[in-house]
């Protein structure tokens, strides 16, 4: 049994320790927002956060992430209120939408480390995240818009 800490909850899963995290998330935990794209960590569709850092879940064995903090797209917010999600909607980024959860997770990781990224910072952070629909200009605008959003004080 391997314990996965996903979006603040513990999920004990009885799987092969070498199973890619992506399949444990989707098939054993039941969170379907993280997508399979290429299976070789090249496209970014499967991006999740591991202890706050973006990682490709399709090539990361579950044994390597046991008891570490994993955040999926579902963990950013329950109601699309995360600044990146809001900017994605406002800029109408998705076309087919398939790659978008990975794109959003990469953008959220960037903004958590760099609240005011330059265009070069955005390009570097998003490099290797493939969008077959070619919505890269909208993705960049959404990241810039989200970087201008100041968190509300509660």
C-alpha atoms as a PDB file:
ATOM      1  CA  UNK A   1       0.000   0.000   0.000  1.00  0.00           C
ATOM      2  CA  UNK A   2       1.356   3.426  -0.982  1.00  0.00           C
ATOM      3  CA  UNK A   3      -0.021   6.610   0.552  1.00  0.00           C
ATOM      4  CA  UNK A   4      -0.572   9.501  -1.833  1.00  0.00           C
ATOM      5  CA  UNK A   5      -1.280  12.964  -0.395  1.00  0.00           C
ATOM      6  CA  UNK A   6      -3.334  14.617  -3.108  1.00  0.00           C
ATOM      7  CA  UNK A   7      -4.973  18.021  -2.699  1.00  0.00           C
ATOM      8  CA  UNK A   8      -4.640  17.794   1.075  1.00  0.00           C
ATOM      9  CA  UNK A   9      -6.180  14.327   1.434  1.00  0.00           C
ATOM     10  CA  UNK A  10      -4.576  10.926   2.000  1.00  0.00           C
ATOM     11  CA  UNK A  11      -5.253   8.198  -0.539  1.00  0.00           C
ATOM     12  CA  UNK A  12      -3.823   4.758   0.252  1.00  0.00           C
ATOM     13  CA  UNK A  13      -3.502   2.945  -3.076  1.00  0.00           C
ATOM     14  CA  UNK A  14      -2.651  -0.686  -3.645  1.00  0.00           C
ATOM     15  CA  UNK A  15      -0.725  -0.426  -6.909  1.00  0.00           C
ATOM     16  CA  UNK A  16       2.558  -1.484  -8.454  1.00  0.00           C
ATOM     17  CA  UNK A  17       5.169   0.890  -6.975  1.00  0.00           C
ATOM     18  CA  UNK A  18       6.428   1.664 -10.488  1.00  0.00           C
ATOM     19  CA  UNK A  19       2.985   2.699 -11.773  1.00  0.00           C
ATOM     20  CA  UNK A  20       3.111   6.240 -13.155  1.00  0.00           C
ATOM     21  CA  UNK A  21       1.521   8.751 -10.808  1.00  0.00           C
ATOM     22  CA  UNK A  22      -0.814   9.861 -13.606  1.00  0.00           C
ATOM     23  CA  UNK A  23      -2.610   6.504 -13.655  1.00  0.00           C
ATOM     24  CA  UNK A  24      -2.877   6.343  -9.868  1.00  0.00           C
ATOM     25  CA  UNK A  25      -4.422   9.832  -9.855  1.00  0.00           C
ATOM     26  CA  UNK A  26      -6.888   9.060 -12.632  1.00  0.00           C
ATOM     27  CA  UNK A  27      -7.725   5.389 -12.193  1.00  0.00           C
ATOM     28  CA  UNK A  28      -7.328   4.765  -8.460  1.00  0.00           C
ATOM     29  CA  UNK A  29      -8.060   8.156  -6.888  1.00  0.00           C
ATOM     30  CA  UNK A  30     -10.641   9.153  -9.511  1.00  0.00           C
ATOM     31  CA  UNK A  31      -9.418  12.667 -10.316  1.00  0.00           C
ATOM     32  CA  UNK A  32      -9.749  13.043 -14.083  1.00  0.00           C
ATOM     33  CA  UNK A  33      -8.461  16.608 -14.612  1.00  0.00           C
ATOM     34  CA  UNK A  34      -4.855  15.543 -15.130  1.00  0.00           C
ATOM     35  CA  UNK A  35      -4.537  14.308 -18.705  1.00  0.00           C
ATOM     36  CA  UNK A  36      -2.450  11.734 -20.567  1.00  0.00           C
ATOM     37  CA  UNK A  37      -0.735  13.257 -23.566  1.00  0.00           C
ATOM     38  CA  UNK A  38       2.454  11.551 -24.666  1.00  0.00           C
ATOM     39  CA  UNK A  39       3.505   9.203 -21.868  1.00  0.00           C
ATOM     40  CA  UNK A  40       7.166  10.291 -22.091  1.00  0.00           C
ATOM     41  CA  UNK A  41       7.101  13.598 -20.146  1.00  0.00           C
ATOM     42  CA  UNK A  42       7.414  15.733 -23.257  1.00  0.00           C
ATOM     43  CA  UNK A  43       4.049  17.459 -23.772  1.00  0.00           C
ATOM     44  CA  UNK A  44       3.089  18.696 -20.292  1.00  0.00           C
ATOM     45  CA  UNK A  45      -0.575  17.611 -20.327  1.00  0.00           C
ATOM     46  CA  UNK A  46       0.010  15.542 -17.174  1.00  0.00           C
ATOM     47  CA  UNK A  47       1.629  18.314 -15.109  1.00  0.00           C
ATOM     48  CA  UNK A  48       0.860  18.356 -11.380  1.00  0.00           C
ATOM     49  CA  UNK A  49       2.650  20.003  -8.461  1.00  0.00           C
ATOM     50  CA  UNK A  50       4.877  17.923  -6.214  1.00  0.00           C
ATOM     51  CA  UNK A  51       5.732  19.854  -3.054  1.00  0.00           C
ATOM     52  CA  UNK A  52       4.922  23.008  -5.030  1.00  0.00           C
ATOM     53  CA  UNK A  53       7.064  22.199  -8.060  1.00  0.00           C
ATOM     54  CA  UNK A  54       5.616  21.293 -11.470  1.00  0.00           C
ATOM     55  CA  UNK A  55       6.316  17.694 -12.489  1.00  0.00           C
ATOM     56  CA  UNK A  56       5.187  15.412 -15.298  1.00  0.00           C
ATOM     57  CA  UNK A  57       3.092  12.701 -13.680  1.00  0.00           C
ATOM     58  CA  UNK A  58       3.137  10.307 -16.650  1.00  0.00           C
ATOM     59  CA  UNK A  59       6.717   9.249 -15.991  1.00  0.00           C
ATOM     60  CA  UNK A  60       6.951   9.581 -12.211  1.00  0.00           C
ATOM     61  CA  UNK A  61       6.480   6.315 -10.295  1.00  0.00           C
ATOM     62  CA  UNK A  62       4.133   6.427  -7.316  1.00  0.00           C
ATOM     63  CA  UNK A  63       6.842   5.043  -5.040  1.00  0.00           C
ATOM     64  CA  UNK A  64       8.838   8.242  -5.627  1.00  0.00           C
ATOM     65  CA  UNK A  65       6.006  10.471  -4.383  1.00  0.00           C
ATOM     66  CA  UNK A  66       4.664   8.531  -1.400  1.00  0.00           C
ATOM     67  CA  UNK A  67       3.653  10.901   1.412  1.00  0.00           C
ATOM     68  CA  UNK A  68       4.693  13.986  -0.572  1.00  0.00           C
ATOM     69  CA  UNK A  69       2.268  16.827  -1.270  1.00  0.00           C
ATOM     70  CA  UNK A  70       0.680  16.463  -4.691  1.00  0.00           C
ATOM     71  CA  UNK A  71      -1.636  19.089  -6.128  1.00  0.00           C
ATOM     72  CA  UNK A  72      -3.733  18.423  -9.215  1.00  0.00           C
ATOM     73  CA  UNK A  73      -5.836  20.874 -11.222  1.00  0.00           C
ATOM     74  CA  UNK A  74      -8.754  20.018  -8.927  1.00  0.00           C
ATOM     75  CA  UNK A  75      -6.673  21.222  -5.972  1.00  0.00           C
ATOM     76  CA  UNK A  76      -6.075  24.755  -7.266  1.00  0.00           C
ATOM     77  CA  UNK A  77      -9.627  25.758  -6.383  1.00  0.00           C
ATOM     78  CA  UNK A  78     -13.055  24.193  -6.108  1.00  0.00           C
ATOM     79  CA  UNK A  79     -14.750  26.934  -8.114  1.00  0.00           C
ATOM     80  CA  UNK A  80     -12.210  28.172 -10.699  1.00  0.00           C
ATOM     81  CA  UNK A  81     -11.338  31.105  -8.438  1.00  0.00           C
ATOM     82  CA  UNK A  82      -7.559  30.679  -8.660  1.00  0.00           C
ATOM     83  CA  UNK A  83      -6.140  33.753 -10.487  1.00  0.00           C
ATOM     84  CA  UNK A  84      -4.743  31.591 -13.291  1.00  0.00           C
ATOM     85  CA  UNK A  85      -8.064  29.808 -13.798  1.00  0.00           C
ATOM     86  CA  UNK A  86      -9.937  33.109 -13.807  1.00  0.00           C
ATOM     87  CA  UNK A  87      -7.515  34.603 -16.352  1.00  0.00           C
ATOM     88  CA  UNK A  88      -7.803  31.465 -18.516  1.00  0.00           C
ATOM     89  CA  UNK A  89     -11.569  31.932 -18.639  1.00  0.00           C
ATOM     90  CA  UNK A  90     -11.385  35.686 -19.251  1.00  0.00           C
ATOM     91  CA  UNK A  91      -8.883  35.259 -22.088  1.00  0.00           C
ATOM     92  CA  UNK A  92     -10.846  32.312 -23.530  1.00  0.00           C
ATOM     93  CA  UNK A  93      -7.643  30.290 -23.726  1.00  0.00           C
ATOM     94  CA  UNK A  94      -8.949  26.777 -24.403  1.00  0.00           C
ATOM     95  CA  UNK A  95      -9.877  25.647 -27.833  1.00  0.00           C
ATOM     96  CA  UNK A  96     -10.081  21.872 -27.489  1.00  0.00           C
ATOM     97  CA  UNK A  97      -8.967  22.181 -23.853  1.00  0.00           C
ATOM     98  CA  UNK A  98      -7.079  18.911 -23.633  1.00  0.00           C
ATOM     99  CA  UNK A  99      -3.699  20.341 -22.605  1.00  0.00           C
ATOM    100  CA  UNK A 100      -5.110  23.098 -20.458  1.00  0.00           C
ATOM    101  CA  UNK A 101      -4.871  21.507 -17.007  1.00  0.00           C
ATOM    102  CA  UNK A 102      -1.137  20.958 -17.535  1.00  0.00           C
ATOM    103  CA  UNK A 103      -0.719  24.476 -18.906  1.00  0.00           C
ATOM    104  CA  UNK A 104      -2.600  25.956 -15.934  1.00  0.00           C
ATOM    105  CA  UNK A 105      -0.550  23.953 -13.427  1.00  0.00           C
ATOM    106  CA  UNK A 106       2.708  25.145 -15.034  1.00  0.00           C
ATOM    107  CA  UNK A 107       1.488  28.745 -15.016  1.00  0.00           C
ATOM    108  CA  UNK A 108       0.363  28.524 -11.377  1.00  0.00           C
ATOM    109  CA  UNK A 109       3.775  27.132 -10.382  1.00  0.00           C
ATOM    110  CA  UNK A 110       5.510  29.983 -12.209  1.00  0.00           C
ATOM    111  CA  UNK A 111       3.392  32.638 -10.505  1.00  0.00           C
ATOM    112  CA  UNK A 112       3.860  31.073  -7.077  1.00  0.00           C
ATOM    113  CA  UNK A 113       7.619  31.609  -7.475  1.00  0.00           C
ATOM    114  CA  UNK A 114       7.583  34.792  -9.547  1.00  0.00           C
ATOM    115  CA  UNK A 115       4.590  37.086  -9.093  1.00  0.00           C
ATOM    116  CA  UNK A 116       5.704  39.451 -11.883  1.00  0.00           C
ATOM    117  CA  UNK A 117       7.246  37.326 -14.627  1.00  0.00           C
ATOM    118  CA  UNK A 118       8.711  38.858 -17.754  1.00  0.00           C
ATOM    119  CA  UNK A 119       7.789  37.556 -21.173  1.00  0.00           C
ATOM    120  CA  UNK A 120      11.065  35.597 -21.160  1.00  0.00           C
ATOM    121  CA  UNK A 121      10.180  34.093 -17.750  1.00  0.00           C
ATOM    122  CA  UNK A 122       6.803  32.977 -19.102  1.00  0.00           C
ATOM    123  CA  UNK A 123       8.392  31.503 -22.222  1.00  0.00           C
ATOM    124  CA  UNK A 124      10.925  29.576 -20.128  1.00  0.00           C
ATOM    125  CA  UNK A 125       8.306  28.232 -17.699  1.00  0.00           C
ATOM    126  CA  UNK A 126       5.949  27.156 -20.455  1.00  0.00           C
ATOM    127  CA  UNK A 127       8.593  25.652 -22.726  1.00  0.00           C
ATOM    128  CA  UNK A 128       7.747  22.049 -23.489  1.00  0.00           C
ATOM    129  CA  UNK A 129       4.029  22.471 -22.839  1.00  0.00           C
ATOM    130  CA  UNK A 130       2.442  21.606 -26.148  1.00  0.00           C
ATOM    131  CA  UNK A 131      -0.889  22.979 -27.308  1.00  0.00           C
ATOM    132  CA  UNK A 132      -1.953  21.336 -30.551  1.00  0.00           C
ATOM    133  CA  UNK A 133      -4.529  24.087 -31.087  1.00  0.00           C
ATOM    134  CA  UNK A 134      -1.805  26.743 -30.949  1.00  0.00           C
ATOM    135  CA  UNK A 135      -3.369  28.985 -28.303  1.00  0.00           C
ATOM    136  CA  UNK A 136       0.062  30.147 -27.122  1.00  0.00           C
ATOM    137  CA  UNK A 137      -0.679  33.898 -27.479  1.00  0.00           C
ATOM    138  CA  UNK A 138      -3.813  33.507 -25.325  1.00  0.00           C
ATOM    139  CA  UNK A 139      -1.898  31.400 -22.795  1.00  0.00           C
ATOM    140  CA  UNK A 140       0.741  34.102 -22.488  1.00  0.00           C
ATOM    141  CA  UNK A 141      -1.902  36.850 -22.120  1.00  0.00           C
ATOM    142  CA  UNK A 142      -3.692  34.843 -19.424  1.00  0.00           C
ATOM    143  CA  UNK A 143      -0.478  34.371 -17.442  1.00  0.00           C
ATOM    144  CA  UNK A 144       0.270  38.087 -17.711  1.00  0.00           C
ATOM    145  CA  UNK A 145      -3.290  38.901 -16.597  1.00  0.00           C
ATOM    146  CA  UNK A 146      -3.079  36.492 -13.652  1.00  0.00           C
ATOM    147  CA  UNK A 147       0.225  38.074 -12.606  1.00  0.00           C
ATOM    148  CA  UNK A 148      -1.530  41.449 -12.387  1.00  0.00           C
ATOM    149  CA  UNK A 149      -4.235  40.044 -10.106  1.00  0.00           C
ATOM    150  CA  UNK A 150      -3.599  40.835  -6.491  1.00  0.00           C
ATOM    151  CA  UNK A 151      -4.880  38.263  -4.009  1.00  0.00           C
ATOM    152  CA  UNK A 152      -7.874  39.477  -2.004  1.00  0.00           C
ATOM    153  CA  UNK A 153      -7.299  39.981   1.712  1.00  0.00           C
ATOM    154  CA  UNK A 154      -9.501  37.831   3.905  1.00  0.00           C
END
